[in-house]
Amino acid sequence: MTHLGPIHAILQGGSWLLPEIAGEIYRGASPLYYWVGALLAQLLGWLLPVHDAARLATTLFCAATLYWTGLAAKRLYGEASFAPAILLGMGSLGLVVHAHETQPQLAQLAGMALCFAGLGELSEHPRRAGIQAGLGAALAFLASGLSGLAFTIPVIVLTPLLCPRCRSRTALGSIALGLGLTTLISALWLSAVAHHAPGEITLWWQEELASTRPHASHLSELGKLLQLFGWFAWPLWPIAGWAVWRNRQVIASPQLALPLTGSVLAIFMVVTTGGLRTAGLLPVLPPLCLLAAFGVSSLRRGAANAFDWFGVMTFIFFGIVVWLGWSALHFGWPPGLARQVARMAPDFQHGTWLAGALIGLTLSLMLVILPLATQHSVQRGATNWALGMTLLWCLAVTLWQPWFAHTKNYQPLAAELRQVIGPEADCIKRRNLGDTQRAALDYFANIRTVRYDAAEDCKLLLTYNVGGSTRSVPSEWQPVWERRLGGGRKAETFKLYRRD
């Protein structure tokens, strides 16, 4: 919901240059994703709600990432690697987790993939390669700021060292052309921001430097980091590791050195910058996907069959888990799981379930039958993994969507709050209210708040807490309304106070 806020602001007449949430500048991301989301919302607003139309930007950037990753694999390894690269990307757990979100960092992945696709043909078509690599770096910058450049520019600069055939005058000139194109596009946006809001450039630069400054805090959580990386990049990292090991004698070849350099750079950036969150690991996926596409065709028969059957049995197992959770939600069995589900959403209203169950049953049959019907080939493991991941995700969404919507839906809460505050909504102080909550209240009910320490003499105060944590407010504020969303340790509590 956080990243719907800037799109809603654009549609309501806000700035296209600087992302905003509920009337305040948001510096958490660069504007590319919000531009595309706003354009899609304008084009499809007659057919879909704004939030659904804007979320199609995620679909667009994911498709671009997969296609350009496949194109890079094709240029590096040949025609046969195009489909495996796309299938492995579709099946990577990290991308699947974020492919349904309004997530701006997916735009950075598209820029990185385009950059790799361009560099993959630098020796054959240098001019086109330089332009594509430069455009990819520019897209990454417009999507993620300086971190987008940090994930792409070093790879572009190092390519002539990794590829002996890329050291011709034409190739070097094309790299210079690409870097010039990146600089031009980046400078155009920065110049427009400087003209529109001169003071914001300094603040933006300070925050970008802070977000990309190396630190060692993640090393104290090395176990958590390895665990996160282990599932997030599955099944890419074991196949990529096999590709490096099997071709270790020619590790300096462009086919191996280019994606390996990109992978090492991405992992280094993830480990030494930013916070420890799942979305921060997304940049490791495109280069790892290229290495995995290089290694999947050389898997030995036993390893290929093991990967295939591991995928089939894994998705069948988790399909059963999804059904057990659905049974606990609607019929109270198994009892232990039913108690956990009820604790997380104590006021969930059970609706009709027959239509969802029939669709889920169809998906479950496909989950069992379709992997057995795929053609025997070196790509079968990647094909079945992508197929199983897609069907399992569709099954989970079909059976659990009403429950997830209930636990995370701010629309009824915002509508109720809108009625409670009445005409006094022109000034509401906030405490602990995050970007997600501010964006939701603004989008669903046109409710905007100001910081608690703001100078406005507001009559209302809105607080937000997660779990059982609470913070006292001064005695001059008297509670008038309270609403809880969800349950358990992640229960969200909103409280409205009026000044006495």
Protein backbone atom coordinates (compact mmCIF):
# COMPACT_ATOMS: atom_id res chain seq x y z
CA MET A 1 0.00 0.00 0.00
CA THR A 2 2.94 2.34 0.63
CA HIS A 3 3.86 2.64 -3.03
CA LEU A 4 0.30 3.27 -4.13
CA GLY A 5 0.51 6.60 -2.29
CA PRO A 6 2.81 8.35 -4.82
CA ILE A 7 0.71 7.02 -7.72
CA HIS A 8 -2.46 8.33 -6.09
CA ALA A 9 -0.72 11.68 -5.51
CA ILE A 10 0.16 11.97 -9.21
CA LEU A 11 -3.42 11.17 -10.22
CA GLN A 12 -4.68 13.83 -7.80
CA GLY A 13 -2.51 16.52 -9.37
CA GLY A 14 0.69 16.04 -7.37
CA SER A 15 4.22 16.30 -8.71
CA TRP A 16 5.48 13.83 -11.31
CA LEU A 17 9.07 14.64 -10.41
CA LEU A 18 9.05 13.97 -6.67
CA PRO A 19 7.06 11.08 -5.17
CA GLU A 20 4.58 12.16 -2.50
CA ILE A 21 2.48 10.38 0.11
CA ALA A 22 -0.51 12.19 1.58
CA GLY A 23 0.84 15.62 0.67
CA GLU A 24 4.40 15.04 1.93
CA ILE A 25 7.48 14.24 -0.17
CA TYR A 26 8.46 10.57 -0.04
CA ARG A 27 12.16 9.87 -0.53
CA GLY A 28 11.99 6.10 -0.18
CA ALA A 29 12.14 5.42 -3.93
CA SER A 30 12.77 7.10 -7.27
CA PRO A 31 9.89 7.93 -9.62
CA LEU A 32 10.06 5.45 -12.56
CA TYR A 33 7.68 2.86 -11.11
CA TYR A 34 5.23 5.56 -10.06
CA TRP A 35 5.25 7.11 -13.54
CA VAL A 36 4.34 3.79 -15.15
CA GLY A 37 1.76 3.00 -12.47
CA ALA A 38 0.08 6.40 -12.88
CA LEU A 39 -0.01 6.05 -16.68
CA LEU A 40 -1.58 2.59 -16.43
CA ALA A 41 -4.12 3.87 -13.90
CA GLN A 42 -5.07 6.70 -16.27
CA LEU A 43 -5.33 4.37 -19.27
CA LEU A 44 -7.25 1.59 -17.50
CA GLY A 45 -9.11 3.57 -14.84
CA TRP A 46 -12.38 3.05 -16.71
CA LEU A 47 -11.97 -0.73 -16.46
CA LEU A 48 -10.19 -1.37 -13.13
CA PRO A 49 -9.94 0.29 -9.72
CA VAL A 50 -6.95 2.59 -9.48
CA HIS A 51 -5.02 0.27 -7.15
CA ASP A 52 -5.48 -2.73 -9.47
CA ALA A 53 -4.63 -0.79 -12.63
CA ALA A 54 -1.53 0.74 -11.01
CA ARG A 55 -0.35 -2.67 -9.81
CA LEU A 56 -0.10 -3.77 -13.44
CA ALA A 57 3.18 -1.85 -13.45
CA THR A 58 4.54 -4.78 -11.44
CA THR A 59 3.40 -7.19 -14.14
CA LEU A 60 4.98 -5.03 -16.83
CA PHE A 61 8.35 -4.75 -15.10
CA CYS A 62 8.42 -8.43 -14.16
CA ALA A 63 7.72 -9.39 -17.77
CA ALA A 64 10.44 -7.00 -18.98
CA THR A 65 12.90 -8.44 -16.45
CA LEU A 66 12.22 -12.02 -17.51
CA TYR A 67 12.36 -11.24 -21.23
CA TRP A 68 15.58 -9.22 -21.05
CA THR A 69 17.16 -11.85 -18.79
CA GLY A 70 16.25 -14.49 -21.36
CA LEU A 71 17.63 -12.27 -24.12
CA ALA A 72 20.90 -11.85 -22.22
CA ALA A 73 21.14 -15.64 -21.78
CA LYS A 74 20.45 -16.15 -25.48
CA ARG A 75 23.21 -13.72 -26.47
CA LEU A 76 25.70 -15.21 -24.01
CA TYR A 77 24.97 -18.93 -24.29
CA GLY A 78 22.87 -19.47 -27.39
CA GLU A 79 19.22 -19.93 -28.37
CA ALA A 80 18.69 -22.96 -26.10
CA SER A 81 19.25 -20.86 -22.95
CA PHE A 82 16.48 -18.35 -23.66
CA ALA A 83 13.57 -20.41 -22.23
CA PRO A 84 15.45 -21.83 -19.19
CA ALA A 85 16.49 -18.33 -18.09
CA ILE A 86 12.87 -17.17 -18.18
CA LEU A 87 11.54 -20.31 -16.47
CA LEU A 88 14.12 -20.17 -13.70
CA GLY A 89 13.36 -16.51 -13.15
CA MET A 90 9.63 -17.25 -12.94
CA GLY A 91 10.27 -19.96 -10.38
CA SER A 92 12.68 -18.07 -8.11
CA LEU A 93 11.05 -17.72 -4.72
CA GLY A 94 12.19 -14.13 -4.21
CA LEU A 95 10.57 -12.89 -7.40
CA VAL A 96 7.36 -14.83 -6.72
CA VAL A 97 7.05 -13.28 -3.26
CA HIS A 98 7.26 -9.73 -4.63
CA ALA A 99 5.64 -10.21 -8.05
CA HIS A 100 2.19 -9.50 -6.62
CA GLU A 101 3.19 -6.33 -4.76
CA THR A 102 3.31 -2.68 -5.71
CA GLN A 103 7.10 -2.83 -5.56
CA PRO A 104 9.27 -0.10 -7.22
CA GLN A 105 12.45 -2.16 -6.95
CA LEU A 106 11.11 -4.44 -9.69
CA ALA A 107 11.73 -1.56 -12.09
CA GLN A 108 15.40 -1.68 -11.09
CA LEU A 109 15.50 -5.39 -11.99
CA ALA A 110 14.23 -4.55 -15.47
CA GLY A 111 17.00 -1.98 -15.88
CA MET A 112 19.64 -4.45 -14.72
CA ALA A 113 18.34 -7.15 -17.07
CA LEU A 114 18.42 -4.74 -20.03
CA CYS A 115 21.97 -3.78 -19.10
CA PHE A 116 23.06 -7.44 -19.11
CA ALA A 117 21.24 -8.05 -22.38
CA GLY A 118 23.15 -5.20 -24.00
CA LEU A 119 26.53 -6.27 -22.66
CA GLY A 120 25.87 -9.80 -23.86
CA GLU A 121 26.37 -8.74 -27.50
CA LEU A 122 28.99 -6.03 -27.07
CA SER A 123 31.52 -7.80 -29.31
CA GLU A 124 29.01 -8.54 -32.12
CA HIS A 125 26.84 -5.40 -32.16
CA PRO A 126 28.73 -2.84 -30.08
CA ARG A 127 26.65 0.25 -30.85
CA ARG A 128 23.32 -1.39 -30.06
CA ALA A 129 24.86 -3.04 -27.02
CA GLY A 130 26.18 0.24 -25.66
CA ILE A 131 22.83 1.97 -26.10
CA GLN A 132 20.94 -0.88 -24.41
CA ALA A 133 23.39 -1.06 -21.51
CA GLY A 134 23.20 2.71 -21.05
CA LEU A 135 19.42 2.69 -21.14
CA GLY A 136 19.37 -0.17 -18.63
CA ALA A 137 21.59 1.76 -16.21
CA ALA A 138 19.41 4.86 -16.67
CA LEU A 139 16.26 2.86 -15.92
CA ALA A 140 17.92 1.42 -12.81
CA PHE A 141 18.81 4.94 -11.68
CA LEU A 142 15.29 6.27 -12.25
CA ALA A 143 13.97 3.26 -10.33
CA SER A 144 16.36 3.18 -7.36
CA GLY A 145 18.66 6.20 -7.45
CA LEU A 146 22.36 5.79 -6.75
CA SER A 147 21.97 2.11 -5.83
CA GLY A 148 20.66 1.46 -9.33
CA LEU A 149 23.87 2.91 -10.75
CA ALA A 150 25.96 0.93 -8.26
CA PHE A 151 24.46 -2.33 -9.55
CA THR A 152 25.05 -1.53 -13.23
CA ILE A 153 27.85 0.96 -13.93
CA PRO A 154 30.70 -1.17 -12.49
CA VAL A 155 29.64 -4.11 -14.68
CA ILE A 156 29.58 -1.88 -17.77
CA VAL A 157 33.01 -0.45 -17.00
CA LEU A 158 34.53 -3.88 -16.25
CA THR A 159 33.15 -5.60 -19.35
CA PRO A 160 36.19 -4.81 -21.57
CA LEU A 161 38.40 -6.43 -18.94
CA LEU A 162 36.17 -9.52 -18.86
CA CYS A 163 35.82 -9.84 -22.63
CA PRO A 164 38.99 -9.65 -24.79
CA ARG A 165 36.89 -9.23 -27.93
CA CYS A 166 35.24 -6.17 -26.37
CA ARG A 167 38.41 -4.08 -26.33
CA SER A 168 38.14 -2.76 -29.86
CA ARG A 169 37.87 0.95 -30.48
CA THR A 170 34.25 0.55 -31.59
CA ALA A 171 33.29 -1.40 -28.47
CA LEU A 172 34.99 1.05 -26.14
CA GLY A 173 33.33 3.95 -27.94
CA SER A 174 29.97 2.21 -27.57
CA ILE A 175 30.51 1.82 -23.83
CA ALA A 176 31.31 5.52 -23.64
CA LEU A 177 28.14 6.22 -25.63
CA GLY A 178 26.09 4.12 -23.20
CA LEU A 179 27.57 5.85 -20.16
CA GLY A 180 26.90 9.22 -21.77
CA LEU A 181 23.28 8.21 -22.36
CA THR A 182 22.94 7.19 -18.71
CA THR A 183 24.42 10.50 -17.60
CA LEU A 184 22.12 12.50 -19.89
CA ILE A 185 18.90 10.80 -18.76
CA SER A 186 19.88 11.00 -15.10
CA ALA A 187 20.88 14.66 -15.42
CA LEU A 188 17.57 15.55 -17.09
CA TRP A 189 15.57 14.25 -14.12
CA LEU A 190 17.91 15.79 -11.54
CA SER A 191 17.85 19.14 -13.35
CA ALA A 192 14.06 19.11 -13.46
CA VAL A 193 13.92 18.38 -9.72
CA ALA A 194 16.45 21.12 -8.99
CA HIS A 195 14.36 23.60 -10.97
CA HIS A 196 11.09 22.50 -9.38
CA ALA A 197 12.32 22.20 -5.77
CA PRO A 198 15.94 23.36 -5.34
CA GLY A 199 16.26 22.31 -1.71
CA GLU A 200 15.16 18.75 -2.38
CA ILE A 201 18.26 17.90 -4.41
CA THR A 202 20.47 18.32 -1.35
CA LEU A 203 18.17 16.20 0.82
CA TRP A 204 17.88 13.57 -1.90
CA TRP A 205 21.66 13.42 -2.31
CA GLN A 206 22.22 13.07 1.45
CA GLU A 207 19.72 10.22 1.77
CA GLU A 208 21.07 8.43 -1.29
CA LEU A 209 24.62 8.59 0.04
CA ALA A 210 23.44 7.31 3.40
CA SER A 211 21.55 4.40 1.81
CA THR A 212 24.56 3.33 -0.30
CA ARG A 213 27.25 3.86 2.33
CA PRO A 214 28.87 0.49 3.20
CA HIS A 215 28.44 -0.87 6.74
CA ALA A 216 29.14 -4.10 8.57
CA SER A 217 25.97 -4.43 10.67
CA HIS A 218 24.67 -7.34 8.59
CA LEU A 219 27.70 -9.41 9.57
CA SER A 220 26.37 -9.61 13.12
CA GLU A 221 23.29 -11.31 11.66
CA LEU A 222 25.17 -13.56 9.27
CA GLY A 223 23.05 -16.61 10.06
CA LYS A 224 19.83 -14.73 9.37
CA LEU A 225 21.31 -13.29 6.17
CA LEU A 226 22.36 -16.72 4.88
CA GLN A 227 18.96 -18.17 5.74
CA LEU A 228 17.22 -15.32 3.94
CA PHE A 229 19.44 -15.65 0.89
CA GLY A 230 19.05 -19.45 0.89
CA TRP A 231 15.30 -19.45 0.32
CA PHE A 232 15.06 -16.13 -1.54
CA ALA A 233 17.40 -17.17 -4.38
CA TRP A 234 16.18 -20.78 -4.55
CA PRO A 235 16.56 -22.68 -6.89
CA LEU A 236 19.00 -20.33 -8.64
CA TRP A 237 21.99 -20.49 -6.31
CA PRO A 238 22.68 -24.27 -6.38
CA ILE A 239 22.43 -24.42 -10.18
CA ALA A 240 24.52 -21.23 -10.52
CA GLY A 241 27.10 -22.74 -8.18
CA TRP A 242 27.21 -25.86 -10.35
CA ALA A 243 27.77 -23.71 -13.45
CA VAL A 244 30.73 -21.96 -11.82
CA TRP A 245 32.24 -25.21 -10.55
CA ARG A 246 31.83 -27.13 -13.80
CA ASN A 247 33.33 -24.31 -15.88
CA ARG A 248 35.97 -23.22 -13.37
CA GLN A 249 38.70 -23.87 -15.93
CA VAL A 250 37.29 -21.13 -18.17
CA ILE A 251 36.07 -18.81 -15.42
CA ALA A 252 37.61 -15.84 -17.25
CA SER A 253 35.40 -16.36 -20.32
CA PRO A 254 32.79 -13.63 -20.92
CA GLN A 255 29.93 -16.16 -20.65
CA LEU A 256 30.91 -16.89 -17.06
CA ALA A 257 32.80 -13.79 -15.98
CA LEU A 258 30.06 -11.27 -16.85
CA PRO A 259 27.18 -12.77 -14.81
CA LEU A 260 29.59 -13.89 -12.07
CA THR A 261 30.86 -10.33 -11.69
CA GLY A 262 27.29 -9.07 -11.60
CA SER A 263 26.38 -11.66 -8.95
CA VAL A 264 29.37 -10.87 -6.73
CA LEU A 265 28.69 -7.14 -7.03
CA ALA A 266 24.99 -7.57 -6.20
CA ILE A 267 25.71 -9.80 -3.20
CA PHE A 268 28.35 -7.36 -1.95
CA MET A 269 25.93 -4.44 -2.23
CA VAL A 270 23.16 -6.36 -0.46
CA VAL A 271 25.46 -7.45 2.38
CA THR A 272 27.12 -4.08 2.97
CA THR A 273 24.37 -1.51 2.30
CA GLY A 274 20.77 -0.87 3.24
CA GLY A 275 18.61 -2.80 5.66
CA LEU A 276 18.07 -6.52 6.01
CA ARG A 277 14.77 -7.00 4.18
CA THR A 278 13.59 -9.34 1.46
CA ALA A 279 13.07 -6.67 -1.21
CA GLY A 280 16.69 -5.62 -0.78
CA LEU A 281 17.80 -9.01 -2.16
CA LEU A 282 15.96 -8.62 -5.47
CA PRO A 283 19.04 -7.31 -7.39
CA VAL A 284 20.85 -10.63 -6.93
CA LEU A 285 18.27 -12.46 -9.07
CA PRO A 286 19.08 -11.34 -12.68
CA PRO A 287 22.82 -12.26 -12.65
CA LEU A 288 22.16 -15.48 -10.70
CA CYS A 289 19.44 -16.34 -13.20
CA LEU A 290 21.98 -16.03 -16.03
CA LEU A 291 24.45 -18.32 -14.25
CA ALA A 292 21.68 -20.83 -13.54
CA ALA A 293 20.62 -20.78 -17.20
CA PHE A 294 24.26 -21.53 -18.09
CA GLY A 295 24.38 -24.45 -15.66
CA VAL A 296 20.97 -26.07 -16.09
CA SER A 297 21.77 -27.53 -19.52
CA SER A 298 24.88 -29.24 -18.15
CA LEU A 299 23.26 -30.89 -15.11
CA ARG A 300 23.97 -34.59 -14.97
CA ARG A 301 21.00 -36.85 -15.51
CA GLY A 302 20.79 -37.86 -11.86
CA ALA A 303 20.95 -34.27 -10.65
CA ALA A 304 18.43 -33.14 -13.28
CA ASN A 305 15.99 -35.90 -12.30
CA ALA A 306 16.50 -35.13 -8.60
CA PHE A 307 15.76 -31.43 -9.21
CA ASP A 308 12.67 -32.35 -11.22
CA TRP A 309 11.20 -34.72 -8.63
CA PHE A 310 12.17 -32.51 -5.72
CA GLY A 311 10.15 -29.72 -7.31
CA VAL A 312 7.14 -31.94 -7.99
CA MET A 313 7.05 -33.38 -4.47
CA THR A 314 7.70 -29.98 -2.88
CA PHE A 315 4.74 -28.35 -4.59
CA ILE A 316 2.45 -31.29 -3.85
CA PHE A 317 3.46 -31.09 -0.17
CA PHE A 318 2.85 -27.35 0.08
CA GLY A 319 -0.38 -27.76 -1.87
CA ILE A 320 -1.56 -30.11 0.90
CA VAL A 321 -0.46 -27.53 3.50
CA VAL A 322 -2.52 -24.84 1.75
CA TRP A 323 -5.58 -27.10 1.79
CA LEU A 324 -5.07 -27.92 5.48
CA GLY A 325 -4.96 -24.22 6.27
CA TRP A 326 -8.13 -23.67 4.28
CA SER A 327 -9.81 -26.51 6.17
CA ALA A 328 -8.74 -25.02 9.48
CA LEU A 329 -10.12 -21.64 8.42
CA HIS A 330 -13.56 -22.87 7.34
CA PHE A 331 -14.13 -26.12 9.26
CA GLY A 332 -11.87 -25.83 12.32
CA TRP A 333 -9.71 -28.85 11.45
CA PRO A 334 -6.93 -29.49 12.32
CA PRO A 335 -7.79 -27.91 15.70
CA GLY A 336 -4.31 -26.58 16.52
CA LEU A 337 -3.95 -24.83 13.18
CA ALA A 338 -7.52 -23.54 13.45
CA ARG A 339 -6.70 -21.87 16.77
CA GLN A 340 -3.67 -20.16 15.23
CA VAL A 341 -5.71 -18.88 12.28
CA ALA A 342 -8.48 -17.62 14.55
CA ARG A 343 -5.96 -15.83 16.77
CA MET A 344 -4.54 -13.93 13.80
CA ALA A 345 -7.98 -12.84 12.53
CA PRO A 346 -10.50 -13.21 15.37
CA ASP A 347 -13.29 -11.29 13.63
CA PHE A 348 -13.00 -12.90 10.18
CA GLN A 349 -16.42 -13.48 8.61
CA HIS A 350 -16.70 -16.78 6.73
CA GLY A 351 -18.34 -16.27 3.37
CA THR A 352 -19.23 -18.70 0.62
CA TRP A 353 -16.40 -21.10 -0.09
CA LEU A 354 -17.79 -23.52 -2.71
CA ALA A 355 -16.65 -21.57 -5.83
CA GLY A 356 -13.14 -21.10 -4.45
CA ALA A 357 -12.94 -24.76 -3.48
CA LEU A 358 -13.88 -25.89 -7.00
CA ILE A 359 -11.29 -23.62 -8.59
CA GLY A 360 -8.72 -24.78 -6.04
CA LEU A 361 -9.52 -28.42 -6.79
CA THR A 362 -8.93 -27.79 -10.50
CA LEU A 363 -5.60 -26.11 -9.77
CA SER A 364 -4.59 -28.99 -7.51
CA LEU A 365 -5.28 -31.55 -10.23
CA MET A 366 -3.21 -29.49 -12.65
CA LEU A 367 -0.44 -29.31 -10.06
CA VAL A 368 -0.26 -33.11 -10.04
CA ILE A 369 -0.94 -33.91 -13.70
CA LEU A 370 0.83 -31.21 -15.74
CA PRO A 371 4.38 -31.82 -14.40
CA LEU A 372 4.03 -35.48 -15.39
CA ALA A 373 3.05 -34.48 -18.92
CA THR A 374 6.02 -32.23 -19.67
CA GLN A 375 8.47 -33.38 -22.28
CA HIS A 376 11.64 -35.15 -21.13
CA SER A 377 14.54 -32.77 -21.75
CA VAL A 378 17.27 -30.90 -19.93
CA GLN A 379 14.76 -28.10 -19.38
CA ARG A 380 12.17 -30.30 -17.70
CA GLY A 381 13.27 -29.45 -14.15
CA ALA A 382 13.13 -25.70 -14.81
CA THR A 383 9.81 -26.07 -16.63
CA ASN A 384 8.18 -28.08 -13.85
CA TRP A 385 9.54 -25.76 -11.19
CA ALA A 386 8.11 -22.66 -12.88
CA LEU A 387 4.83 -24.46 -13.57
CA GLY A 388 4.52 -25.75 -10.01
CA MET A 389 5.36 -22.38 -8.46
CA THR A 390 2.75 -20.64 -10.62
CA LEU A 391 0.00 -23.17 -9.87
CA LEU A 392 0.79 -23.26 -6.13
CA TRP A 393 0.66 -19.47 -5.92
CA CYS A 394 -2.67 -19.42 -7.78
CA LEU A 395 -3.99 -22.09 -5.39
CA ALA A 396 -2.94 -20.13 -2.30
CA VAL A 397 -4.47 -16.91 -3.64
CA THR A 398 -7.72 -18.67 -4.60
CA LEU A 399 -8.24 -20.32 -1.22
CA TRP A 400 -6.79 -17.66 1.09
CA GLN A 401 -7.43 -14.34 -0.64
CA PRO A 402 -10.49 -13.42 1.49
CA TRP A 403 -8.54 -14.06 4.69
CA PHE A 404 -5.49 -12.08 3.55
CA ALA A 405 -7.74 -9.24 2.36
CA HIS A 406 -9.45 -9.17 5.74
CA THR A 407 -6.22 -9.00 7.75
CA LYS A 408 -4.62 -6.27 5.58
CA ASN A 409 -7.57 -4.33 4.18
CA TYR A 410 -7.54 -0.72 5.40
CA GLN A 411 -10.60 0.37 3.39
CA PRO A 412 -13.33 -0.38 5.98
CA LEU A 413 -11.16 1.09 8.74
CA ALA A 414 -10.55 4.27 6.74
CA ALA A 415 -14.27 4.65 5.96
CA GLU A 416 -15.18 4.23 9.63
CA LEU A 417 -12.54 6.75 10.70
CA ARG A 418 -13.80 9.19 8.10
CA GLN A 419 -17.25 9.13 9.72
CA VAL A 420 -15.86 9.53 13.24
CA ILE A 421 -13.65 12.57 12.60
CA GLY A 422 -16.32 14.50 10.72
CA PRO A 423 -15.56 18.16 9.87
CA GLU A 424 -12.51 18.27 12.17
CA ALA A 425 -10.43 16.35 9.63
CA ASP A 426 -8.67 19.47 8.41
CA CYS A 427 -5.95 18.96 11.05
CA ILE A 428 -4.97 15.60 12.59
CA LYS A 429 -1.70 14.97 14.36
CA ARG A 430 -0.14 11.51 14.06
CA ARG A 431 2.10 9.33 16.16
CA ASN A 432 3.78 6.11 14.91
CA LEU A 433 1.73 6.23 11.72
CA GLY A 434 3.89 4.75 8.93
CA ASP A 435 3.95 5.47 5.20
CA THR A 436 1.70 2.48 4.49
CA GLN A 437 -1.02 3.65 6.85
CA ARG A 438 -0.80 7.27 5.68
CA ALA A 439 -1.06 6.20 2.04
CA ALA A 440 -4.07 3.96 2.77
CA LEU A 441 -5.97 6.62 4.71
CA ASP A 442 -5.32 9.19 1.99
CA TYR A 443 -6.32 6.85 -0.83
CA PHE A 444 -9.44 5.32 0.72
CA ALA A 445 -10.82 8.26 2.72
CA ASN A 446 -8.85 11.40 1.83
CA ILE A 447 -7.55 11.60 5.39
CA ARG A 448 -4.23 13.38 5.83
CA THR A 449 -2.22 13.87 8.99
CA VAL A 450 0.67 16.04 10.17
CA ARG A 451 3.66 15.15 12.32
CA TYR A 452 3.07 15.22 16.05
CA ASP A 453 5.69 17.93 16.56
CA ALA A 454 4.20 20.13 13.85
CA ALA A 455 3.22 23.66 14.82
CA GLU A 456 -0.48 23.20 13.91
CA ASP A 457 -2.86 23.41 16.84
CA CYS A 458 -4.80 20.28 15.92
CA LYS A 459 -7.83 19.04 17.83
CA LEU A 460 -7.33 15.39 16.84
CA LEU A 461 -4.53 12.86 17.28
CA LEU A 462 -4.27 9.49 15.53
CA THR A 463 -1.90 6.83 16.89
CA TYR A 464 -0.82 3.47 15.51
CA ASN A 465 0.73 0.47 17.25
CA VAL A 466 1.62 -3.08 16.27
CA GLY A 467 1.10 -6.03 18.61
CA GLY A 468 0.70 -5.24 22.27
CA SER A 469 3.06 -2.27 22.31
CA THR A 470 1.54 1.05 23.33
CA ARG A 471 2.85 4.53 23.93
CA SER A 472 1.23 6.88 26.36
CA VAL A 473 -0.10 10.20 25.16
CA PRO A 474 -0.38 13.41 27.18
CA SER A 475 -3.39 13.65 29.46
CA GLU A 476 -4.85 16.47 27.40
CA TRP A 477 -5.80 13.91 24.73
CA GLN A 478 -8.96 11.89 25.39
CA PRO A 479 -9.68 8.65 23.44
CA VAL A 480 -12.77 8.74 21.22
CA TRP A 481 -12.30 5.79 18.83
CA GLU A 482 -10.28 2.57 18.55
CA ARG A 483 -10.02 -0.10 15.88
CA ARG A 484 -7.90 -3.26 15.70
CA LEU A 485 -6.90 -4.97 12.47
CA GLY A 486 -5.75 -8.59 12.56
CA GLY A 487 -4.61 -10.41 15.69
CA GLY A 488 -1.66 -11.96 17.46
CA ARG A 489 1.76 -10.35 17.52
CA LYS A 490 1.06 -8.47 14.29
CA ALA A 491 -2.25 -6.96 15.35
CA GLU A 492 -2.52 -3.30 14.27
CA THR A 493 -4.28 -0.87 16.59
CA PHE A 494 -5.50 2.56 15.55
CA LYS A 495 -6.66 5.04 18.22
CA LEU A 496 -8.15 8.49 17.73
CA TYR A 497 -7.90 11.11 20.46
CA ARG A 498 -9.50 14.54 20.85
CA ARG A 499 -7.84 17.36 22.71
CA ASP A 500 -9.61 18.09 25.99
